[in-house]
Amino acid sequence: MKKITYIISGIILLITILGCSTTTNFTSYPADAGISENIKHTYALPETVLKVNVEVARTETIPGPYHAYAEDLLGINSVPHERKVSWRISAIHLETYQKADGDRFYVIQSKK
C-alpha cells in the first residue's frame, strides 16, 4: 500500500513540476521594429486620460429704462446703472479612464 502511495505522490509531483516549467520563450519588441513572423500578440501599455467638465453660470445684468430715478422716487439703492455680464463656476467634475497609449505598442514573438 505504501508503494502505491509513493508512486501516486511521485506522479503528482512530476506533473506539477512539468506543468510549471515554460517550454516557449517570448520576446517583446516595439511595434515599429518591423517584426512580422511568428507574431502571437500585439499589446499596448495603458495611458490614463483625465477628463475635466466645468459647469458655469452666466449672469447678465441689464438696467431698466428708469434706473436713474429709482433712488430718488422709490428709495431703492441697489439698482444697476450699467450693463454687465458675470460668470461663476458652479461645478467641476473630474473623470479618469484608461486607453491604449499610441506611442507604446509592442509585439510578442516566440523563440523556437
N, C-alpha and C. Protein backbone atom coordinates (compact mmCIF):
# COMPACT_ATOMS: atom_id res chain seq x y z
N MET A 1 0.82 -1.20 0.00
CA MET A 1 0.00 0.00 0.00
C MET A 1 0.86 1.26 0.00
N LYS A 2 2.00 1.19 0.76
CA LYS A 2 2.88 2.34 0.80
C LYS A 2 3.52 2.61 -0.56
N LYS A 3 3.81 1.53 -1.31
CA LYS A 3 4.42 1.70 -2.63
C LYS A 3 3.48 2.43 -3.57
N ILE A 4 2.19 2.12 -3.53
CA ILE A 4 1.21 2.78 -4.40
C ILE A 4 1.10 4.26 -4.02
N THR A 5 1.12 4.56 -2.73
CA THR A 5 1.05 5.95 -2.28
C THR A 5 2.28 6.72 -2.76
N TYR A 6 3.46 6.12 -2.66
CA TYR A 6 4.68 6.78 -3.13
C TYR A 6 4.66 6.98 -4.65
N ILE A 7 4.16 6.02 -5.38
CA ILE A 7 4.11 6.13 -6.84
C ILE A 7 3.13 7.23 -7.25
N ILE A 8 1.96 7.25 -6.63
CA ILE A 8 0.97 8.29 -6.96
C ILE A 8 1.50 9.66 -6.57
N SER A 9 2.13 9.78 -5.41
CA SER A 9 2.71 11.06 -4.99
C SER A 9 3.80 11.50 -5.95
N GLY A 10 4.62 10.54 -6.41
CA GLY A 10 5.68 10.87 -7.37
C GLY A 10 5.12 11.33 -8.70
N ILE A 11 4.05 10.71 -9.17
CA ILE A 11 3.43 11.11 -10.44
C ILE A 11 2.83 12.51 -10.32
N ILE A 12 2.15 12.79 -9.21
CA ILE A 12 1.56 14.11 -8.99
C ILE A 12 2.66 15.17 -8.92
N LEU A 13 3.75 14.87 -8.23
CA LEU A 13 4.87 15.80 -8.13
C LEU A 13 5.50 16.04 -9.49
N LEU A 14 5.67 15.01 -10.30
CA LEU A 14 6.24 15.13 -11.63
C LEU A 14 5.34 15.97 -12.54
N ILE A 15 4.04 15.75 -12.49
CA ILE A 15 3.10 16.53 -13.30
C ILE A 15 3.12 18.00 -12.88
N THR A 16 3.20 18.24 -11.58
CA THR A 16 3.26 19.62 -11.08
C THR A 16 4.53 20.32 -11.54
N ILE A 17 5.66 19.67 -11.45
CA ILE A 17 6.94 20.26 -11.86
C ILE A 17 6.95 20.53 -13.35
N LEU A 18 6.48 19.57 -14.15
CA LEU A 18 6.46 19.77 -15.60
C LEU A 18 5.43 20.83 -16.01
N GLY A 19 4.35 20.95 -15.28
CA GLY A 19 3.34 21.95 -15.59
C GLY A 19 3.80 23.37 -15.29
N CYS A 20 4.73 23.53 -14.39
CA CYS A 20 5.21 24.85 -14.02
C CYS A 20 6.35 25.34 -14.91
N SER A 21 6.97 24.48 -15.66
CA SER A 21 8.08 24.92 -16.50
C SER A 21 7.56 25.48 -17.82
N THR A 22 8.29 26.43 -18.38
CA THR A 22 7.91 27.01 -19.66
C THR A 22 8.63 26.27 -20.77
N THR A 23 7.95 26.09 -21.87
CA THR A 23 8.55 25.41 -23.00
C THR A 23 8.83 26.36 -24.16
N THR A 24 8.24 27.54 -24.14
CA THR A 24 8.43 28.51 -25.21
C THR A 24 8.89 29.82 -24.61
N ASN A 25 9.90 30.43 -25.20
CA ASN A 25 10.37 31.73 -24.77
C ASN A 25 9.73 32.80 -25.65
N PHE A 26 9.41 33.92 -25.05
CA PHE A 26 8.83 35.03 -25.78
C PHE A 26 9.70 36.26 -25.62
N THR A 27 9.73 37.08 -26.66
CA THR A 27 10.48 38.33 -26.63
C THR A 27 9.55 39.45 -27.04
N SER A 28 9.68 40.58 -26.38
CA SER A 28 8.85 41.74 -26.68
C SER A 28 9.66 42.75 -27.49
N TYR A 29 9.07 43.25 -28.56
CA TYR A 29 9.70 44.26 -29.42
C TYR A 29 8.75 45.43 -29.60
N PRO A 30 9.29 46.65 -29.80
CA PRO A 30 8.40 47.76 -30.17
C PRO A 30 7.69 47.44 -31.48
N ALA A 31 6.46 47.93 -31.63
CA ALA A 31 5.65 47.59 -32.80
C ALA A 31 6.24 48.11 -34.09
N ASP A 32 7.04 49.15 -34.03
CA ASP A 32 7.63 49.71 -35.25
C ASP A 32 8.98 49.08 -35.60
N ALA A 33 9.34 47.95 -34.95
CA ALA A 33 10.62 47.30 -35.21
C ALA A 33 10.59 46.47 -36.49
N GLY A 34 9.43 46.26 -37.09
CA GLY A 34 9.33 45.53 -38.34
C GLY A 34 9.32 44.04 -38.19
N ILE A 35 9.05 43.51 -37.01
CA ILE A 35 8.99 42.06 -36.78
C ILE A 35 7.60 41.59 -37.21
N SER A 36 7.53 40.65 -38.16
CA SER A 36 6.21 40.20 -38.61
C SER A 36 6.04 38.69 -38.57
N GLU A 37 7.09 37.92 -38.38
CA GLU A 37 6.96 36.46 -38.38
C GLU A 37 6.72 35.95 -36.97
N ASN A 38 5.89 34.95 -36.85
CA ASN A 38 5.55 34.30 -35.59
C ASN A 38 4.95 35.26 -34.56
N ILE A 39 4.21 36.23 -34.99
CA ILE A 39 3.60 37.17 -34.04
C ILE A 39 2.43 36.49 -33.35
N LYS A 40 2.47 36.48 -32.05
CA LYS A 40 1.40 35.88 -31.27
C LYS A 40 0.43 36.93 -30.75
N HIS A 41 0.95 38.04 -30.25
CA HIS A 41 0.10 39.09 -29.67
C HIS A 41 0.68 40.46 -29.96
N THR A 42 -0.19 41.42 -30.09
CA THR A 42 0.20 42.83 -30.10
C THR A 42 -0.48 43.46 -28.91
N TYR A 43 0.24 44.23 -28.14
CA TYR A 43 -0.35 44.86 -26.97
C TYR A 43 0.17 46.28 -26.84
N ALA A 44 -0.55 47.09 -26.06
CA ALA A 44 -0.17 48.48 -25.82
C ALA A 44 -0.20 48.73 -24.32
N LEU A 45 0.70 49.58 -23.89
CA LEU A 45 0.70 49.97 -22.49
C LEU A 45 -0.47 50.93 -22.25
N PRO A 46 -1.02 50.94 -21.05
CA PRO A 46 -2.16 51.82 -20.80
C PRO A 46 -1.73 53.28 -20.62
N GLU A 47 -2.65 54.16 -20.95
CA GLU A 47 -2.44 55.59 -20.77
C GLU A 47 -3.66 56.12 -20.02
N THR A 48 -3.44 56.89 -18.98
CA THR A 48 -4.53 57.46 -18.21
C THR A 48 -4.93 58.79 -18.81
N VAL A 49 -6.21 58.94 -19.08
CA VAL A 49 -6.75 60.18 -19.65
C VAL A 49 -7.57 60.87 -18.57
N LEU A 50 -7.37 62.16 -18.42
CA LEU A 50 -8.10 62.95 -17.43
C LEU A 50 -9.11 63.82 -18.17
N LYS A 51 -10.39 63.67 -17.84
CA LYS A 51 -11.46 64.44 -18.47
C LYS A 51 -11.99 65.42 -17.42
N VAL A 52 -12.02 66.70 -17.75
CA VAL A 52 -12.47 67.74 -16.83
C VAL A 52 -13.72 68.38 -17.40
N ASN A 53 -14.82 68.32 -16.66
CA ASN A 53 -16.07 69.01 -17.03
C ASN A 53 -16.29 70.16 -16.08
N VAL A 54 -16.43 71.36 -16.62
CA VAL A 54 -16.65 72.55 -15.81
C VAL A 54 -18.01 73.12 -16.18
N GLU A 55 -18.88 73.27 -15.19
CA GLU A 55 -20.18 73.90 -15.40
C GLU A 55 -20.09 75.35 -14.92
N VAL A 56 -20.56 76.27 -15.76
CA VAL A 56 -20.51 77.69 -15.42
C VAL A 56 -21.90 78.28 -15.51
N ALA A 57 -22.11 79.34 -14.76
CA ALA A 57 -23.38 80.07 -14.78
C ALA A 57 -23.10 81.50 -15.25
N ARG A 58 -23.87 81.94 -16.21
CA ARG A 58 -23.70 83.29 -16.76
C ARG A 58 -24.84 84.15 -16.23
N THR A 59 -24.47 85.33 -15.69
CA THR A 59 -25.46 86.28 -15.19
C THR A 59 -25.28 87.59 -15.96
N GLU A 60 -26.38 88.02 -16.58
CA GLU A 60 -26.33 89.28 -17.35
C GLU A 60 -27.24 90.29 -16.65
N THR A 61 -26.68 91.44 -16.31
CA THR A 61 -27.43 92.50 -15.64
C THR A 61 -27.72 93.60 -16.65
N ILE A 62 -29.01 93.91 -16.81
CA ILE A 62 -29.43 94.94 -17.75
C ILE A 62 -30.22 95.99 -16.97
N PRO A 63 -29.77 97.23 -16.98
CA PRO A 63 -30.52 98.28 -16.25
C PRO A 63 -31.85 98.59 -16.96
N GLY A 64 -32.87 98.87 -16.16
CA GLY A 64 -34.19 99.21 -16.71
C GLY A 64 -34.21 100.63 -17.27
N PRO A 65 -35.28 101.00 -17.96
CA PRO A 65 -35.34 102.33 -18.56
C PRO A 65 -35.40 103.48 -17.54
N TYR A 66 -35.87 103.20 -16.33
CA TYR A 66 -35.99 104.26 -15.31
C TYR A 66 -35.03 104.05 -14.15
N HIS A 67 -33.86 103.42 -14.43
CA HIS A 67 -32.90 103.12 -13.34
C HIS A 67 -32.36 104.39 -12.69
N ALA A 68 -32.31 105.49 -13.44
CA ALA A 68 -31.77 106.74 -12.88
C ALA A 68 -32.69 107.34 -11.82
N TYR A 69 -33.98 107.02 -11.87
CA TYR A 69 -34.95 107.62 -10.94
C TYR A 69 -35.30 106.71 -9.77
N ALA A 70 -34.75 105.51 -9.72
CA ALA A 70 -35.13 104.54 -8.70
C ALA A 70 -34.77 105.00 -7.30
N GLU A 71 -33.61 105.61 -7.11
CA GLU A 71 -33.20 106.04 -5.77
C GLU A 71 -34.00 107.27 -5.32
N ASP A 72 -34.22 108.21 -6.22
CA ASP A 72 -34.92 109.45 -5.84
C ASP A 72 -36.41 109.20 -5.59
N LEU A 73 -37.05 108.46 -6.46
CA LEU A 73 -38.50 108.31 -6.36
C LEU A 73 -38.94 107.12 -5.52
N LEU A 74 -38.16 106.02 -5.54
CA LEU A 74 -38.58 104.81 -4.83
C LEU A 74 -37.74 104.49 -3.60
N GLY A 75 -36.57 105.12 -3.47
CA GLY A 75 -35.70 104.87 -2.33
C GLY A 75 -34.92 103.56 -2.43
N ILE A 76 -34.75 103.03 -3.64
CA ILE A 76 -34.02 101.78 -3.85
C ILE A 76 -32.57 102.13 -4.21
N ASN A 77 -31.60 101.61 -3.42
CA ASN A 77 -30.19 101.94 -3.64
C ASN A 77 -29.45 100.93 -4.52
N SER A 78 -29.91 99.71 -4.57
CA SER A 78 -29.16 98.65 -5.25
C SER A 78 -29.65 98.40 -6.68
N VAL A 79 -29.87 99.45 -7.41
CA VAL A 79 -30.33 99.34 -8.79
C VAL A 79 -29.11 99.40 -9.70
N PRO A 80 -28.97 98.45 -10.65
CA PRO A 80 -27.82 98.50 -11.57
C PRO A 80 -27.95 99.67 -12.54
N HIS A 81 -26.84 100.37 -12.74
CA HIS A 81 -26.83 101.52 -13.64
C HIS A 81 -26.09 101.24 -14.94
N GLU A 82 -25.44 100.11 -15.03
CA GLU A 82 -24.73 99.77 -16.27
C GLU A 82 -24.93 98.30 -16.61
N ARG A 83 -24.82 98.00 -17.88
CA ARG A 83 -24.99 96.63 -18.35
C ARG A 83 -23.69 95.86 -18.09
N LYS A 84 -23.81 94.65 -17.53
CA LYS A 84 -22.61 93.85 -17.29
C LYS A 84 -22.95 92.36 -17.35
N VAL A 85 -21.93 91.58 -17.62
CA VAL A 85 -22.04 90.13 -17.68
C VAL A 85 -21.02 89.55 -16.70
N SER A 86 -21.45 88.59 -15.87
CA SER A 86 -20.53 87.95 -14.94
C SER A 86 -20.68 86.44 -15.07
N TRP A 87 -19.58 85.75 -14.82
CA TRP A 87 -19.54 84.29 -14.91
C TRP A 87 -19.16 83.73 -13.56
N ARG A 88 -19.73 82.53 -13.24
CA ARG A 88 -19.45 81.87 -11.98
C ARG A 88 -19.32 80.38 -12.25
N ILE A 89 -18.29 79.75 -11.67
CA ILE A 89 -18.13 78.30 -11.78
C ILE A 89 -19.07 77.65 -10.79
N SER A 90 -20.00 76.84 -11.31
CA SER A 90 -20.98 76.20 -10.43
C SER A 90 -20.58 74.78 -10.02
N ALA A 91 -19.82 74.08 -10.90
CA ALA A 91 -19.41 72.71 -10.56
C ALA A 91 -18.22 72.31 -11.42
N ILE A 92 -17.37 71.46 -10.85
CA ILE A 92 -16.24 70.88 -11.58
C ILE A 92 -16.28 69.37 -11.35
N HIS A 93 -16.23 68.61 -12.45
CA HIS A 93 -16.25 67.15 -12.37
C HIS A 93 -14.99 66.61 -13.03
N LEU A 94 -14.25 65.76 -12.32
CA LEU A 94 -13.06 65.12 -12.85
C LEU A 94 -13.36 63.64 -13.08
N GLU A 95 -12.88 63.11 -14.21
CA GLU A 95 -13.09 61.72 -14.55
C GLU A 95 -11.82 61.18 -15.20
N THR A 96 -11.41 59.98 -14.81
CA THR A 96 -10.25 59.35 -15.42
C THR A 96 -10.67 58.05 -16.06
N TYR A 97 -10.00 57.70 -17.16
CA TYR A 97 -10.22 56.42 -17.79
C TYR A 97 -8.95 56.00 -18.51
N GLN A 98 -8.85 54.70 -18.80
CA GLN A 98 -7.67 54.13 -19.43
C GLN A 98 -7.92 53.94 -20.92
N LYS A 99 -6.88 54.17 -21.70
CA LYS A 99 -6.93 53.86 -23.13
C LYS A 99 -5.55 53.39 -23.55
N ALA A 100 -5.46 52.83 -24.74
CA ALA A 100 -4.17 52.34 -25.24
C ALA A 100 -3.29 53.53 -25.61
N ASP A 101 -2.04 53.50 -25.15
CA ASP A 101 -1.08 54.55 -25.47
C ASP A 101 -0.59 54.34 -26.90
N GLY A 102 -0.84 55.29 -27.76
CA GLY A 102 -0.46 55.17 -29.17
C GLY A 102 1.03 55.12 -29.41
N ASP A 103 1.84 55.57 -28.47
CA ASP A 103 3.30 55.57 -28.62
C ASP A 103 3.94 54.32 -28.03
N ARG A 104 3.18 53.45 -27.38
CA ARG A 104 3.74 52.30 -26.67
C ARG A 104 3.08 50.99 -27.10
N PHE A 105 3.10 50.66 -28.38
CA PHE A 105 2.61 49.38 -28.88
C PHE A 105 3.78 48.40 -28.97
N TYR A 106 3.55 47.16 -28.60
CA TYR A 106 4.58 46.13 -28.63
C TYR A 106 4.00 44.86 -29.24
N VAL A 107 4.90 44.03 -29.80
CA VAL A 107 4.50 42.71 -30.29
C VAL A 107 5.31 41.67 -29.52
N ILE A 108 4.71 40.50 -29.33
CA ILE A 108 5.38 39.39 -28.66
C ILE A 108 5.70 38.34 -29.73
N GLN A 109 6.98 37.98 -29.84
CA GLN A 109 7.40 37.00 -30.81
C GLN A 109 7.93 35.79 -30.07
N SER A 110 7.55 34.60 -30.53
CA SER A 110 8.03 33.39 -29.85
C SER A 110 9.35 32.95 -30.43
N LYS A 111 10.22 32.46 -29.56
CA LYS A 111 11.51 31.89 -29.97
C LYS A 111 11.39 30.38 -29.93
N LYS A 112 11.74 29.74 -31.00
CA LYS A 112 11.65 28.27 -31.03
C LYS A 112 13.02 27.68 -31.25
